Amino acid sequence: MQLYAGPLSLFSRKVEIALHEKALAFERVMVPFDQTAGYTPKHPFVLAANPKRQVPVLIDDGLTLFDSTVILEYLEEAYPVSALYPSGAAERARCRLLELFADEILLPAVRDLMYRTEPADANPERQRAREAAGHRAEVAIRDHYGTLERRLGDRAHFCANVSVADIALFMTVLFSLRLRGPGLDDHPALARWYGHVGARPAFRRIADEVAAADRELAPRAET
Protein backbone atom coordinates (compact mmCIF):
# COMPACT_ATOMS: atom_id res chain seq x y z
CA MET A 1 0.00 0.00 0.00
CA GLN A 2 1.31 3.44 -0.95
CA LEU A 3 0.06 6.87 0.14
CA TYR A 4 0.94 10.14 -1.58
CA ALA A 5 0.61 12.80 1.10
CA GLY A 6 1.61 16.33 2.02
CA PRO A 7 3.30 17.43 5.26
CA LEU A 8 0.58 20.00 5.99
CA SER A 9 -2.25 18.35 4.08
CA LEU A 10 -5.09 17.96 6.56
CA PHE A 11 -6.82 15.41 4.34
CA SER A 12 -3.66 13.31 3.94
CA ARG A 13 -3.23 13.31 7.70
CA LYS A 14 -6.80 12.05 8.17
CA VAL A 15 -5.94 9.03 6.06
CA GLU A 16 -2.68 8.48 7.92
CA ILE A 17 -4.46 8.39 11.29
CA ALA A 18 -6.89 5.80 9.93
CA LEU A 19 -4.04 3.67 8.56
CA HIS A 20 -2.26 3.78 11.92
CA GLU A 21 -5.47 3.02 13.85
CA LYS A 22 -5.97 -0.04 11.64
CA ALA A 23 -2.30 -1.02 12.01
CA LEU A 24 -1.87 -1.16 8.23
CA ALA A 25 1.62 -1.03 6.78
CA PHE A 26 2.08 1.57 4.04
CA GLU A 27 4.77 3.44 2.19
CA ARG A 28 4.35 7.20 2.40
CA VAL A 29 5.49 9.42 -0.46
CA MET A 30 5.60 12.97 0.85
CA VAL A 31 5.17 15.37 -2.07
CA PRO A 32 7.14 18.64 -2.20
CA PHE A 33 5.60 21.61 -0.36
CA ASP A 34 6.63 24.97 1.04
CA GLN A 35 4.75 27.89 2.52
CA THR A 36 5.47 30.22 -0.40
CA ALA A 37 4.90 28.03 -3.47
CA GLY A 38 2.55 25.52 -1.83
CA TYR A 39 2.43 22.28 -3.82
CA THR A 40 3.71 23.94 -7.03
CA PRO A 41 5.06 22.23 -9.04
CA LYS A 42 2.71 19.38 -8.23
CA HIS A 43 3.90 15.80 -8.13
CA PRO A 44 3.52 14.21 -11.60
CA PHE A 45 1.95 11.03 -10.25
CA VAL A 46 -0.66 13.02 -8.31
CA LEU A 47 -1.49 14.99 -11.45
CA ALA A 48 -1.91 11.77 -13.42
CA ALA A 49 -3.86 9.91 -10.74
CA ASN A 50 -6.24 12.57 -9.41
CA PRO A 51 -8.23 14.97 -11.62
CA LYS A 52 -8.54 17.18 -8.52
CA ARG A 53 -4.71 17.47 -8.63
CA GLN A 54 -4.49 17.01 -4.87
CA VAL A 55 -3.18 14.64 -2.22
CA PRO A 56 -4.02 12.24 -0.70
CA VAL A 57 -3.78 9.50 -3.30
CA LEU A 58 -3.79 5.88 -2.11
CA ILE A 59 -2.67 2.87 -4.15
CA ASP A 60 -3.63 -0.53 -2.82
CA ASP A 61 -3.26 -3.77 -4.79
CA GLY A 62 -3.46 -1.97 -8.14
CA LEU A 63 -6.40 0.23 -7.11
CA THR A 64 -5.77 4.00 -7.12
CA LEU A 65 -8.04 6.17 -4.98
CA PHE A 66 -8.26 9.87 -4.17
CA ASP A 67 -10.38 12.05 -1.84
CA SER A 68 -9.97 11.34 1.87
CA THR A 69 -13.60 10.38 2.41
CA VAL A 70 -13.55 7.83 -0.42
CA ILE A 71 -10.25 6.44 0.87
CA LEU A 72 -11.53 6.11 4.44
CA GLU A 73 -14.66 4.30 3.29
CA TYR A 74 -12.55 1.95 1.17
CA LEU A 75 -10.22 1.19 4.06
CA GLU A 76 -13.17 0.36 6.29
CA GLU A 77 -14.64 -2.07 3.76
CA ALA A 78 -11.33 -3.65 2.75
CA TYR A 79 -9.82 -3.75 6.25
CA PRO A 80 -12.69 -3.77 8.77
CA VAL A 81 -10.42 -4.22 11.82
CA SER A 82 -10.25 -1.96 13.78
CA ALA A 83 -13.60 -0.47 12.81
CA LEU A 84 -13.69 3.29 12.31
CA TYR A 85 -17.39 3.55 11.51
CA PRO A 86 -20.17 2.62 13.97
CA SER A 87 -22.56 -0.23 13.30
CA GLY A 88 -26.04 0.45 11.94
CA ALA A 89 -27.09 2.60 9.01
CA ALA A 90 -28.33 5.52 11.11
CA GLU A 91 -25.18 5.73 13.25
CA ARG A 92 -22.96 5.44 10.20
CA ALA A 93 -24.89 8.29 8.57
CA ARG A 94 -24.38 10.42 11.69
CA CYS A 95 -20.67 9.64 11.58
CA ARG A 96 -20.49 10.70 7.94
CA LEU A 97 -22.36 13.92 8.71
CA LEU A 98 -19.84 14.76 11.43
CA GLU A 99 -16.99 14.16 8.99
CA LEU A 100 -18.75 16.44 6.53
CA PHE A 101 -19.15 19.06 9.29
CA ALA A 102 -15.39 18.97 9.85
CA ASP A 103 -14.45 19.08 6.16
CA GLU A 104 -17.07 21.38 4.69
CA ILE A 105 -18.45 23.55 7.51
CA LEU A 106 -15.65 24.05 10.06
CA LEU A 107 -12.70 23.86 7.66
CA PRO A 108 -13.75 26.76 5.38
CA ALA A 109 -13.48 29.09 8.38
CA VAL A 110 -10.14 27.55 9.39
CA ARG A 111 -8.81 28.14 5.86
CA ASP A 112 -9.20 31.87 6.42
CA LEU A 113 -6.55 31.61 9.15
CA MET A 114 -3.94 29.94 6.93
CA TYR A 115 -2.39 33.28 5.97
CA ARG A 116 -0.89 33.30 9.49
CA THR A 117 1.71 30.70 8.51
CA GLU A 118 2.44 32.25 5.12
CA PRO A 119 4.64 35.22 4.20
CA ALA A 120 2.83 38.55 4.60
CA ASP A 121 1.27 39.93 1.43
CA ALA A 122 3.39 42.73 0.00
CA ASN A 123 0.21 44.66 -0.76
CA PRO A 124 -0.98 46.27 2.52
CA GLU A 125 -4.59 46.39 1.40
CA ARG A 126 -4.66 42.70 0.57
CA GLN A 127 -2.96 41.91 3.87
CA ARG A 128 -5.58 43.90 5.79
CA ALA A 129 -8.29 41.99 3.91
CA ARG A 130 -6.72 38.69 4.93
CA GLU A 131 -6.60 39.79 8.55
CA ALA A 132 -10.23 40.96 8.48
CA ALA A 133 -11.28 37.60 7.03
CA GLY A 134 -9.33 35.91 9.83
CA HIS A 135 -11.22 37.86 12.49
CA ARG A 136 -14.55 36.87 10.93
CA ALA A 137 -13.36 33.28 10.77
CA GLU A 138 -12.63 33.24 14.49
CA VAL A 139 -16.22 34.24 15.23
CA ALA A 140 -17.49 31.43 12.99
CA ILE A 141 -15.11 28.88 14.54
CA ARG A 142 -16.31 29.70 18.06
CA ASP A 143 -19.88 29.21 16.90
CA HIS A 144 -18.98 25.85 15.34
CA TYR A 145 -17.20 24.81 18.55
CA GLY A 146 -20.42 25.50 20.41
CA THR A 147 -22.33 23.27 18.00
CA LEU A 148 -19.81 20.47 18.45
CA GLU A 149 -19.87 20.85 22.25
CA ARG A 150 -23.63 20.33 22.26
CA ARG A 151 -23.39 17.31 19.95
CA LEU A 152 -20.65 15.71 22.01
CA GLY A 153 -22.28 16.14 25.41
CA ASP A 154 -20.53 14.05 28.06
CA ARG A 155 -19.39 11.29 25.72
CA ALA A 156 -15.77 10.29 25.13
CA HIS A 157 -16.24 10.14 21.34
CA PHE A 158 -18.62 11.66 18.83
CA CYS A 159 -19.83 8.15 17.97
CA ALA A 160 -19.89 5.03 20.13
CA ASN A 161 -16.13 4.50 19.79
CA VAL A 162 -13.28 6.27 18.06
CA SER A 163 -14.35 6.83 14.48
CA VAL A 164 -13.85 8.73 11.26
CA ALA A 165 -15.84 11.54 12.87
CA ASP A 166 -13.21 11.90 15.60
CA ILE A 167 -10.39 11.75 13.06
CA ALA A 168 -11.86 14.46 10.83
CA LEU A 169 -12.87 16.76 13.69
CA PHE A 170 -9.57 16.31 15.52
CA MET A 171 -7.58 17.26 12.44
CA THR A 172 -9.67 20.36 11.76
CA VAL A 173 -9.50 21.53 15.37
CA LEU A 174 -5.74 20.81 15.36
CA PHE A 175 -5.31 23.01 12.29
CA SER A 176 -7.40 25.76 13.86
CA LEU A 177 -5.25 25.73 16.99
CA ARG A 178 -1.95 25.61 15.07
CA LEU A 179 -3.13 28.67 13.13
CA ARG A 180 -3.73 30.53 16.41
CA GLY A 181 -7.49 30.19 16.12
CA PRO A 182 -9.83 30.25 19.12
CA GLY A 183 -8.84 28.06 22.04
CA LEU A 184 -11.05 25.47 23.68
CA ASP A 185 -11.19 27.02 27.18
CA ASP A 186 -14.84 28.04 26.73
CA HIS A 187 -15.78 24.55 25.54
CA PRO A 188 -14.68 22.15 28.30
CA ALA A 189 -16.35 19.03 26.85
CA LEU A 190 -14.69 19.65 23.47
CA ALA A 191 -11.36 20.31 25.21
CA ARG A 192 -11.70 17.04 27.16
CA TRP A 193 -12.49 15.13 23.97
CA TYR A 194 -9.58 16.75 22.11
CA GLY A 195 -7.15 15.77 24.85
CA HIS A 196 -8.58 12.26 25.08
CA VAL A 197 -8.39 11.37 21.39
CA GLY A 198 -5.16 13.32 20.98
CA ALA A 199 -3.51 10.98 23.49
CA ARG A 200 -4.14 7.95 21.27
CA PRO A 201 -0.85 6.89 19.63
CA ALA A 202 -2.11 7.32 16.04
CA PHE A 203 -3.47 10.81 16.71
CA ARG A 204 -0.47 11.89 18.78
CA ARG A 205 1.95 10.68 16.11
CA ILE A 206 0.30 12.80 13.43
CA ALA A 207 -0.04 15.85 15.69
CA ASP A 208 3.68 15.61 16.44
CA GLU A 209 4.52 15.28 12.73
CA VAL A 210 2.40 18.33 11.87
CA ALA A 211 4.18 20.34 14.58
CA ALA A 212 7.55 19.22 13.21
CA ALA A 213 6.51 20.17 9.67
CA ASP A 214 5.45 23.60 10.92
CA ARG A 215 8.88 24.15 12.44
CA GLU A 216 10.67 22.96 9.32
CA LEU A 217 8.51 24.87 6.82
CA ALA A 218 8.06 28.14 8.71
CA PRO A 219 9.01 31.12 6.49
CA ARG A 220 12.43 32.40 7.46
CA ALA A 221 13.27 36.07 7.61
CA GLU A 222 15.71 37.25 4.98
CA THR A 223 19.23 38.05 6.19
C-alpha atoms as a PDB file:
ATOM      1  CA  MET A   1       0.000   0.000   0.000  1.00  0.00           C
ATOM      2  CA  GLN A   2       1.313   3.439  -0.948  1.00  0.00           C
ATOM      3  CA  LEU A   3       0.061   6.867   0.137  1.00  0.00           C
ATOM      4  CA  TYR A   4       0.937  10.137  -1.582  1.00  0.00           C
ATOM      5  CA  ALA A   5       0.610  12.800   1.100  1.00  0.00           C
ATOM      6  CA  GLY A   6       1.610  16.332   2.019  1.00  0.00           C
ATOM      7  CA  PRO A   7       3.298  17.434   5.260  1.00  0.00           C
ATOM      8  CA  LEU A   8       0.579  19.997   5.990  1.00  0.00           C
ATOM      9  CA  SER A   9      -2.253  18.353   4.076  1.00  0.00           C
ATOM     10  CA  LEU A  10      -5.091  17.958   6.564  1.00  0.00           C
ATOM     11  CA  PHE A  11      -6.823  15.407   4.339  1.00  0.00           C
ATOM     12  CA  SER A  12      -3.662  13.308   3.942  1.00  0.00           C
ATOM     13  CA  ARG A  13      -3.227  13.311   7.698  1.00  0.00           C
ATOM     14  CA  LYS A  14      -6.803  12.054   8.166  1.00  0.00           C
ATOM     15  CA  VAL A  15      -5.941   9.033   6.060  1.00  0.00           C
ATOM     16  CA  GLU A  16      -2.679   8.482   7.921  1.00  0.00           C
ATOM     17  CA  ILE A  17      -4.458   8.386  11.287  1.00  0.00           C
ATOM     18  CA  ALA A  18      -6.886   5.796   9.926  1.00  0.00           C
ATOM     19  CA  LEU A  19      -4.040   3.669   8.555  1.00  0.00           C
ATOM     20  CA  HIS A  20      -2.263   3.776  11.921  1.00  0.00           C
ATOM     21  CA  GLU A  21      -5.468   3.018  13.848  1.00  0.00           C
ATOM     22  CA  LYS A  22      -5.972  -0.043  11.636  1.00  0.00           C
ATOM     23  CA  ALA A  23      -2.296  -1.019  12.013  1.00  0.00           C
ATOM     24  CA  LEU A  24      -1.875  -1.156   8.227  1.00  0.00           C
ATOM     25  CA  ALA A  25       1.615  -1.026   6.778  1.00  0.00           C
ATOM     26  CA  PHE A  26       2.077   1.571   4.038  1.00  0.00           C
ATOM     27  CA  GLU A  27       4.771   3.443   2.193  1.00  0.00           C
ATOM     28  CA  ARG A  28       4.350   7.204   2.395  1.00  0.00           C
ATOM     29  CA  VAL A  29       5.486   9.420  -0.462  1.00  0.00           C
ATOM     30  CA  MET A  30       5.599  12.974   0.850  1.00  0.00           C
ATOM     31  CA  VAL A  31       5.169  15.374  -2.067  1.00  0.00           C
ATOM     32  CA  PRO A  32       7.141  18.645  -2.196  1.00  0.00           C
ATOM     33  CA  PHE A  33       5.602  21.606  -0.356  1.00  0.00           C
ATOM     34  CA  ASP A  34       6.634  24.969   1.043  1.00  0.00           C
ATOM     35  CA  GLN A  35       4.745  27.893   2.525  1.00  0.00           C
ATOM     36  CA  THR A  36       5.470  30.221  -0.399  1.00  0.00           C
ATOM     37  CA  ALA A  37       4.895  28.029  -3.468  1.00  0.00           C
ATOM     38  CA  GLY A  38       2.551  25.525  -1.834  1.00  0.00           C
ATOM     39  CA  TYR A  39       2.430  22.284  -3.822  1.00  0.00           C
ATOM     40  CA  THR A  40       3.713  23.937  -7.025  1.00  0.00           C
ATOM     41  CA  PRO A  41       5.062  22.228  -9.042  1.00  0.00           C
ATOM     42  CA  LYS A  42       2.714  19.377  -8.232  1.00  0.00           C
ATOM     43  CA  HIS A  43       3.905  15.799  -8.129  1.00  0.00           C
ATOM     44  CA  PRO A  44       3.518  14.214 -11.601  1.00  0.00           C
ATOM     45  CA  PHE A  45       1.946  11.027 -10.246  1.00  0.00           C
ATOM     46  CA  VAL A  46      -0.657  13.023  -8.307  1.00  0.00           C
ATOM     47  CA  LEU A  47      -1.489  14.989 -11.450  1.00  0.00           C
ATOM     48  CA  ALA A  48      -1.911  11.771 -13.423  1.00  0.00           C
ATOM     49  CA  ALA A  49      -3.865   9.905 -10.742  1.00  0.00           C
ATOM     50  CA  ASN A  50      -6.240  12.569  -9.413  1.00  0.00           C
ATOM     51  CA  PRO A  51      -8.233  14.970 -11.622  1.00  0.00           C
ATOM     52  CA  LYS A  52      -8.543  17.182  -8.522  1.00  0.00           C
ATOM     53  CA  ARG A  53      -4.707  17.474  -8.634  1.00  0.00           C
ATOM     54  CA  GLN A  54      -4.492  17.015  -4.865  1.00  0.00           C
ATOM     55  CA  VAL A  55      -3.176  14.644  -2.219  1.00  0.00           C
ATOM     56  CA  PRO A  56      -4.019  12.241  -0.697  1.00  0.00           C
ATOM     57  CA  VAL A  57      -3.776   9.505  -3.295  1.00  0.00           C
ATOM     58  CA  LEU A  58      -3.785   5.885  -2.110  1.00  0.00           C
ATOM     59  CA  ILE A  59      -2.667   2.872  -4.152  1.00  0.00           C
ATOM     60  CA  ASP A  60      -3.626  -0.534  -2.825  1.00  0.00           C
ATOM     61  CA  ASP A  61      -3.255  -3.771  -4.793  1.00  0.00           C
ATOM     62  CA  GLY A  62      -3.457  -1.969  -8.140  1.00  0.00           C
ATOM     63  CA  LEU A  63      -6.396   0.234  -7.114  1.00  0.00           C
ATOM     64  CA  THR A  64      -5.773   4.002  -7.119  1.00  0.00           C
ATOM     65  CA  LEU A  65      -8.044   6.174  -4.983  1.00  0.00           C
ATOM     66  CA  PHE A  66      -8.258   9.866  -4.165  1.00  0.00           C
ATOM     67  CA  ASP A  67     -10.377  12.048  -1.838  1.00  0.00           C
ATOM     68  CA  SER A  68      -9.967  11.338   1.867  1.00  0.00           C
ATOM     69  CA  THR A  69     -13.601  10.380   2.409  1.00  0.00           C
ATOM     70  CA  VAL A  70     -13.549   7.829  -0.419  1.00  0.00           C
ATOM     71  CA  ILE A  71     -10.248   6.443   0.870  1.00  0.00           C
ATOM     72  CA  LEU A  72     -11.532   6.110   4.440  1.00  0.00           C
ATOM     73  CA  GLU A  73     -14.664   4.305   3.293  1.00  0.00           C
ATOM     74  CA  TYR A  74     -12.554   1.948   1.168  1.00  0.00           C
ATOM     75  CA  LEU A  75     -10.218   1.190   4.058  1.00  0.00           C
ATOM     76  CA  GLU A  76     -13.171   0.363   6.288  1.00  0.00           C
ATOM     77  CA  GLU A  77     -14.635  -2.068   3.762  1.00  0.00           C
ATOM     78  CA  ALA A  78     -11.326  -3.652   2.748  1.00  0.00           C
ATOM     79  CA  TYR A  79      -9.818  -3.746   6.254  1.00  0.00           C
ATOM     80  CA  PRO A  80     -12.687  -3.773   8.769  1.00  0.00           C
ATOM     81  CA  VAL A  81     -10.422  -4.222  11.821  1.00  0.00           C
ATOM     82  CA  SER A  82     -10.247  -1.964  13.778  1.00  0.00           C
ATOM     83  CA  ALA A  83     -13.600  -0.473  12.806  1.00  0.00           C
ATOM     84  CA  LEU A  84     -13.694   3.295  12.308  1.00  0.00           C
ATOM     85  CA  TYR A  85     -17.394   3.545  11.513  1.00  0.00           C
ATOM     86  CA  PRO A  86     -20.169   2.619  13.969  1.00  0.00           C
ATOM     87  CA  SER A  87     -22.559  -0.235  13.300  1.00  0.00           C
ATOM     88  CA  GLY A  88     -26.035   0.454  11.941  1.00  0.00           C
ATOM     89  CA  ALA A  89     -27.090   2.602   9.008  1.00  0.00           C
ATOM     90  CA  ALA A  90     -28.328   5.523  11.113  1.00  0.00           C
ATOM     91  CA  GLU A  91     -25.183   5.726  13.253  1.00  0.00           C
ATOM     92  CA  ARG A  92     -22.960   5.439  10.199  1.00  0.00           C
ATOM     93  CA  ALA A  93     -24.887   8.286   8.575  1.00  0.00           C
ATOM     94  CA  ARG A  94     -24.385  10.424  11.693  1.00  0.00           C
ATOM     95  CA  CYS A  95     -20.671   9.636  11.576  1.00  0.00           C
ATOM     96  CA  ARG A  96     -20.488  10.701   7.941  1.00  0.00           C
ATOM     97  CA  LEU A  97     -22.360  13.921   8.705  1.00  0.00           C
ATOM     98  CA  LEU A  98     -19.843  14.755  11.426  1.00  0.00           C
ATOM     99  CA  GLU A  99     -16.988  14.160   8.988  1.00  0.00           C
ATOM    100  CA  LEU A 100     -18.752  16.440   6.530  1.00  0.00           C
ATOM    101  CA  PHE A 101     -19.147  19.064   9.287  1.00  0.00           C
ATOM    102  CA  ALA A 102     -15.387  18.967   9.846  1.00  0.00           C
ATOM    103  CA  ASP A 103     -14.449  19.082   6.161  1.00  0.00           C
ATOM    104  CA  GLU A 104     -17.069  21.380   4.686  1.00  0.00           C
ATOM    105  CA  ILE A 105     -18.446  23.552   7.508  1.00  0.00           C
ATOM    106  CA  LEU A 106     -15.647  24.049  10.058  1.00  0.00           C
ATOM    107  CA  LEU A 107     -12.702  23.857   7.661  1.00  0.00           C
ATOM    108  CA  PRO A 108     -13.750  26.758   5.380  1.00  0.00           C
ATOM    109  CA  ALA A 109     -13.476  29.091   8.381  1.00  0.00           C
ATOM    110  CA  VAL A 110     -10.141  27.554   9.386  1.00  0.00           C
ATOM    111  CA  ARG A 111      -8.805  28.143   5.858  1.00  0.00           C
ATOM    112  CA  ASP A 112      -9.202  31.869   6.415  1.00  0.00           C
ATOM    113  CA  LEU A 113      -6.551  31.610   9.147  1.00  0.00           C
ATOM    114  CA  MET A 114      -3.944  29.943   6.926  1.00  0.00           C
ATOM    115  CA  TYR A 115      -2.392  33.278   5.972  1.00  0.00           C
ATOM    116  CA  ARG A 116      -0.894  33.299   9.489  1.00  0.00           C
ATOM    117  CA  THR A 117       1.713  30.698   8.508  1.00  0.00           C
ATOM    118  CA  GLU A 118       2.445  32.254   5.116  1.00  0.00           C
ATOM    119  CA  PRO A 119       4.636  35.220   4.198  1.00  0.00           C
ATOM    120  CA  ALA A 120       2.833  38.546   4.603  1.00  0.00           C
ATOM    121  CA  ASP A 121       1.269  39.926   1.433  1.00  0.00           C
ATOM    122  CA  ALA A 122       3.393  42.732  -0.005  1.00  0.00           C
ATOM    123  CA  ASN A 123       0.210  44.657  -0.764  1.00  0.00           C
ATOM    124  CA  PRO A 124      -0.978  46.268   2.523  1.00  0.00           C
ATOM    125  CA  GLU A 125      -4.594  46.391   1.396  1.00  0.00           C
ATOM    126  CA  ARG A 126      -4.655  42.695   0.568  1.00  0.00           C
ATOM    127  CA  GLN A 127      -2.957  41.911   3.872  1.00  0.00           C
ATOM    128  CA  ARG A 128      -5.583  43.897   5.792  1.00  0.00           C
ATOM    129  CA  ALA A 129      -8.293  41.992   3.912  1.00  0.00           C
ATOM    130  CA  ARG A 130      -6.716  38.687   4.933  1.00  0.00           C
ATOM    131  CA  GLU A 131      -6.604  39.795   8.552  1.00  0.00           C
ATOM    132  CA  ALA A 132     -10.234  40.957   8.481  1.00  0.00           C
ATOM    133  CA  ALA A 133     -11.281  37.598   7.033  1.00  0.00           C
ATOM    134  CA  GLY A 134      -9.327  35.909   9.827  1.00  0.00           C
ATOM    135  CA  HIS A 135     -11.224  37.855  12.495  1.00  0.00           C
ATOM    136  CA  ARG A 136     -14.547  36.872  10.926  1.00  0.00           C
ATOM    137  CA  ALA A 137     -13.363  33.280  10.765  1.00  0.00           C
ATOM    138  CA  GLU A 138     -12.627  33.244  14.493  1.00  0.00           C
ATOM    139  CA  VAL A 139     -16.224  34.236  15.230  1.00  0.00           C
ATOM    140  CA  ALA A 140     -17.490  31.432  12.991  1.00  0.00           C
ATOM    141  CA  ILE A 141     -15.113  28.879  14.536  1.00  0.00           C
ATOM    142  CA  ARG A 142     -16.306  29.702  18.058  1.00  0.00           C
ATOM    143  CA  ASP A 143     -19.876  29.212  16.898  1.00  0.00           C
ATOM    144  CA  HIS A 144     -18.977  25.852  15.345  1.00  0.00           C
ATOM    145  CA  TYR A 145     -17.203  24.811  18.549  1.00  0.00           C
ATOM    146  CA  GLY A 146     -20.422  25.496  20.412  1.00  0.00           C
ATOM    147  CA  THR A 147     -22.333  23.268  18.001  1.00  0.00           C
ATOM    148  CA  LEU A 148     -19.807  20.467  18.452  1.00  0.00           C
ATOM    149  CA  GLU A 149     -19.868  20.855  22.249  1.00  0.00           C
ATOM    150  CA  ARG A 150     -23.626  20.329  22.257  1.00  0.00           C
ATOM    151  CA  ARG A 151     -23.394  17.305  19.948  1.00  0.00           C
ATOM    152  CA  LEU A 152     -20.652  15.715  22.014  1.00  0.00           C
ATOM    153  CA  GLY A 153     -22.278  16.138  25.407  1.00  0.00           C
ATOM    154  CA  ASP A 154     -20.528  14.048  28.058  1.00  0.00           C
ATOM    155  CA  ARG A 155     -19.387  11.286  25.718  1.00  0.00           C
ATOM    156  CA  ALA A 156     -15.769  10.293  25.126  1.00  0.00           C
ATOM    157  CA  HIS A 157     -16.243  10.145  21.337  1.00  0.00           C
ATOM    158  CA  PHE A 158     -18.616  11.662  18.826  1.00  0.00           C
ATOM    159  CA  CYS A 159     -19.826   8.153  17.972  1.00  0.00           C
ATOM    160  CA  ALA A 160     -19.893   5.029  20.128  1.00  0.00           C
ATOM    161  CA  ASN A 161     -16.127   4.498  19.790  1.00  0.00           C
ATOM    162  CA  VAL A 162     -13.278   6.267  18.058  1.00  0.00           C
ATOM    163  CA  SER A 163     -14.351   6.835  14.477  1.00  0.00           C
ATOM    164  CA  VAL A 164     -13.848   8.725  11.261  1.00  0.00           C
ATOM    165  CA  ALA A 165     -15.839  11.542  12.875  1.00  0.00           C
ATOM    166  CA  ASP A 166     -13.209  11.896  15.600  1.00  0.00           C
ATOM    167  CA  ILE A 167     -10.388  11.747  13.056  1.00  0.00           C
ATOM    168  CA  ALA A 168     -11.858  14.463  10.831  1.00  0.00           C
ATOM    169  CA  LEU A 169     -12.872  16.761  13.686  1.00  0.00           C
ATOM    170  CA  PHE A 170      -9.574  16.306  15.515  1.00  0.00           C
ATOM    171  CA  MET A 171      -7.582  17.257  12.443  1.00  0.00           C
ATOM    172  CA  THR A 172      -9.666  20.357  11.758  1.00  0.00           C
ATOM    173  CA  VAL A 173      -9.497  21.534  15.373  1.00  0.00           C
ATOM    174  CA  LEU A 174      -5.744  20.805  15.358  1.00  0.00           C
ATOM    175  CA  PHE A 175      -5.311  23.012  12.290  1.00  0.00           C
ATOM    176  CA  SER A 176      -7.397  25.763  13.861  1.00  0.00           C
ATOM    177  CA  LEU A 177      -5.245  25.729  16.991  1.00  0.00           C
ATOM    178  CA  ARG A 178      -1.953  25.610  15.075  1.00  0.00           C
ATOM    179  CA  LEU A 179      -3.129  28.673  13.132  1.00  0.00           C
ATOM    180  CA  ARG A 180      -3.732  30.530  16.409  1.00  0.00           C
ATOM    181  CA  GLY A 181      -7.485  30.192  16.124  1.00  0.00           C
ATOM    182  CA  PRO A 182      -9.829  30.250  19.123  1.00  0.00           C
ATOM    183  CA  GLY A 183      -8.836  28.057  22.042  1.00  0.00           C
ATOM    184  CA  LEU A 184     -11.051  25.474  23.684  1.00  0.00           C
ATOM    185  CA  ASP A 185     -11.194  27.022  27.178  1.00  0.00           C
ATOM    186  CA  ASP A 186     -14.839  28.041  26.735  1.00  0.00           C
ATOM    187  CA  HIS A 187     -15.783  24.553  25.540  1.00  0.00           C
ATOM    188  CA  PRO A 188     -14.684  22.147  28.301  1.00  0.00           C
ATOM    189  CA  ALA A 189     -16.350  19.033  26.849  1.00  0.00           C
ATOM    190  CA  LEU A 190     -14.693  19.645  23.472  1.00  0.00           C
ATOM    191  CA  ALA A 191     -11.362  20.308  25.207  1.00  0.00           C
ATOM    192  CA  ARG A 192     -11.700  17.045  27.165  1.00  0.00           C
ATOM    193  CA  TRP A 193     -12.487  15.126  23.973  1.00  0.00           C
ATOM    194  CA  TYR A 194      -9.579  16.749  22.114  1.00  0.00           C
ATOM    195  CA  GLY A 195      -7.146  15.767  24.849  1.00  0.00           C
ATOM    196  CA  HIS A 196      -8.583  12.261  25.083  1.00  0.00           C
ATOM    197  CA  VAL A 197      -8.389  11.372  21.389  1.00  0.00           C
ATOM    198  CA  GLY A 198      -5.159  13.320  20.985  1.00  0.00           C
ATOM    199  CA  ALA A 199      -3.513  10.978  23.489  1.00  0.00           C
ATOM    200  CA  ARG A 200      -4.136   7.947  21.269  1.00  0.00           C
ATOM    201  CA  PRO A 201      -0.848   6.887  19.625  1.00  0.00           C
ATOM    202  CA  ALA A 202      -2.107   7.322  16.043  1.00  0.00           C
ATOM    203  CA  PHE A 203      -3.474  10.811  16.711  1.00  0.00           C
ATOM    204  CA  ARG A 204      -0.470  11.890  18.782  1.00  0.00           C
ATOM    205  CA  ARG A 205       1.946  10.680  16.107  1.00  0.00           C
ATOM    206  CA  ILE A 206       0.297  12.797  13.431  1.00  0.00           C
ATOM    207  CA  ALA A 207      -0.044  15.849  15.693  1.00  0.00           C
ATOM    208  CA  ASP A 208       3.684  15.613  16.440  1.00  0.00           C
ATOM    209  CA  GLU A 209       4.515  15.278  12.729  1.00  0.00           C
ATOM    210  CA  VAL A 210       2.404  18.331  11.874  1.00  0.00           C
ATOM    211  CA  ALA A 211       4.185  20.342  14.580  1.00  0.00           C
ATOM    212  CA  ALA A 212       7.550  19.223  13.207  1.00  0.00           C
ATOM    213  CA  ALA A 213       6.506  20.174   9.669  1.00  0.00           C
ATOM    214  CA  ASP A 214       5.451  23.602  10.918  1.00  0.00           C
ATOM    215  CA  ARG A 215       8.884  24.149  12.441  1.00  0.00           C
ATOM    216  CA  GLU A 216      10.668  22.956   9.317  1.00  0.00           C
ATOM    217  CA  LEU A 217       8.510  24.866   6.823  1.00  0.00           C
ATOM    218  CA  ALA A 218       8.056  28.141   8.713  1.00  0.00           C
ATOM    219  CA  PRO A 219       9.007  31.116   6.494  1.00  0.00           C
ATOM    220  CA  ARG A 220      12.427  32.402   7.460  1.00  0.00           C
ATOM    221  CA  ALA A 221      13.272  36.072   7.608  1.00  0.00           C
ATOM    222  CA  GLU A 222      15.711  37.247   4.976  1.00  0.00           C
ATOM    223  CA  THR A 223      19.225  38.050   6.189  1.00  0.00           C
END
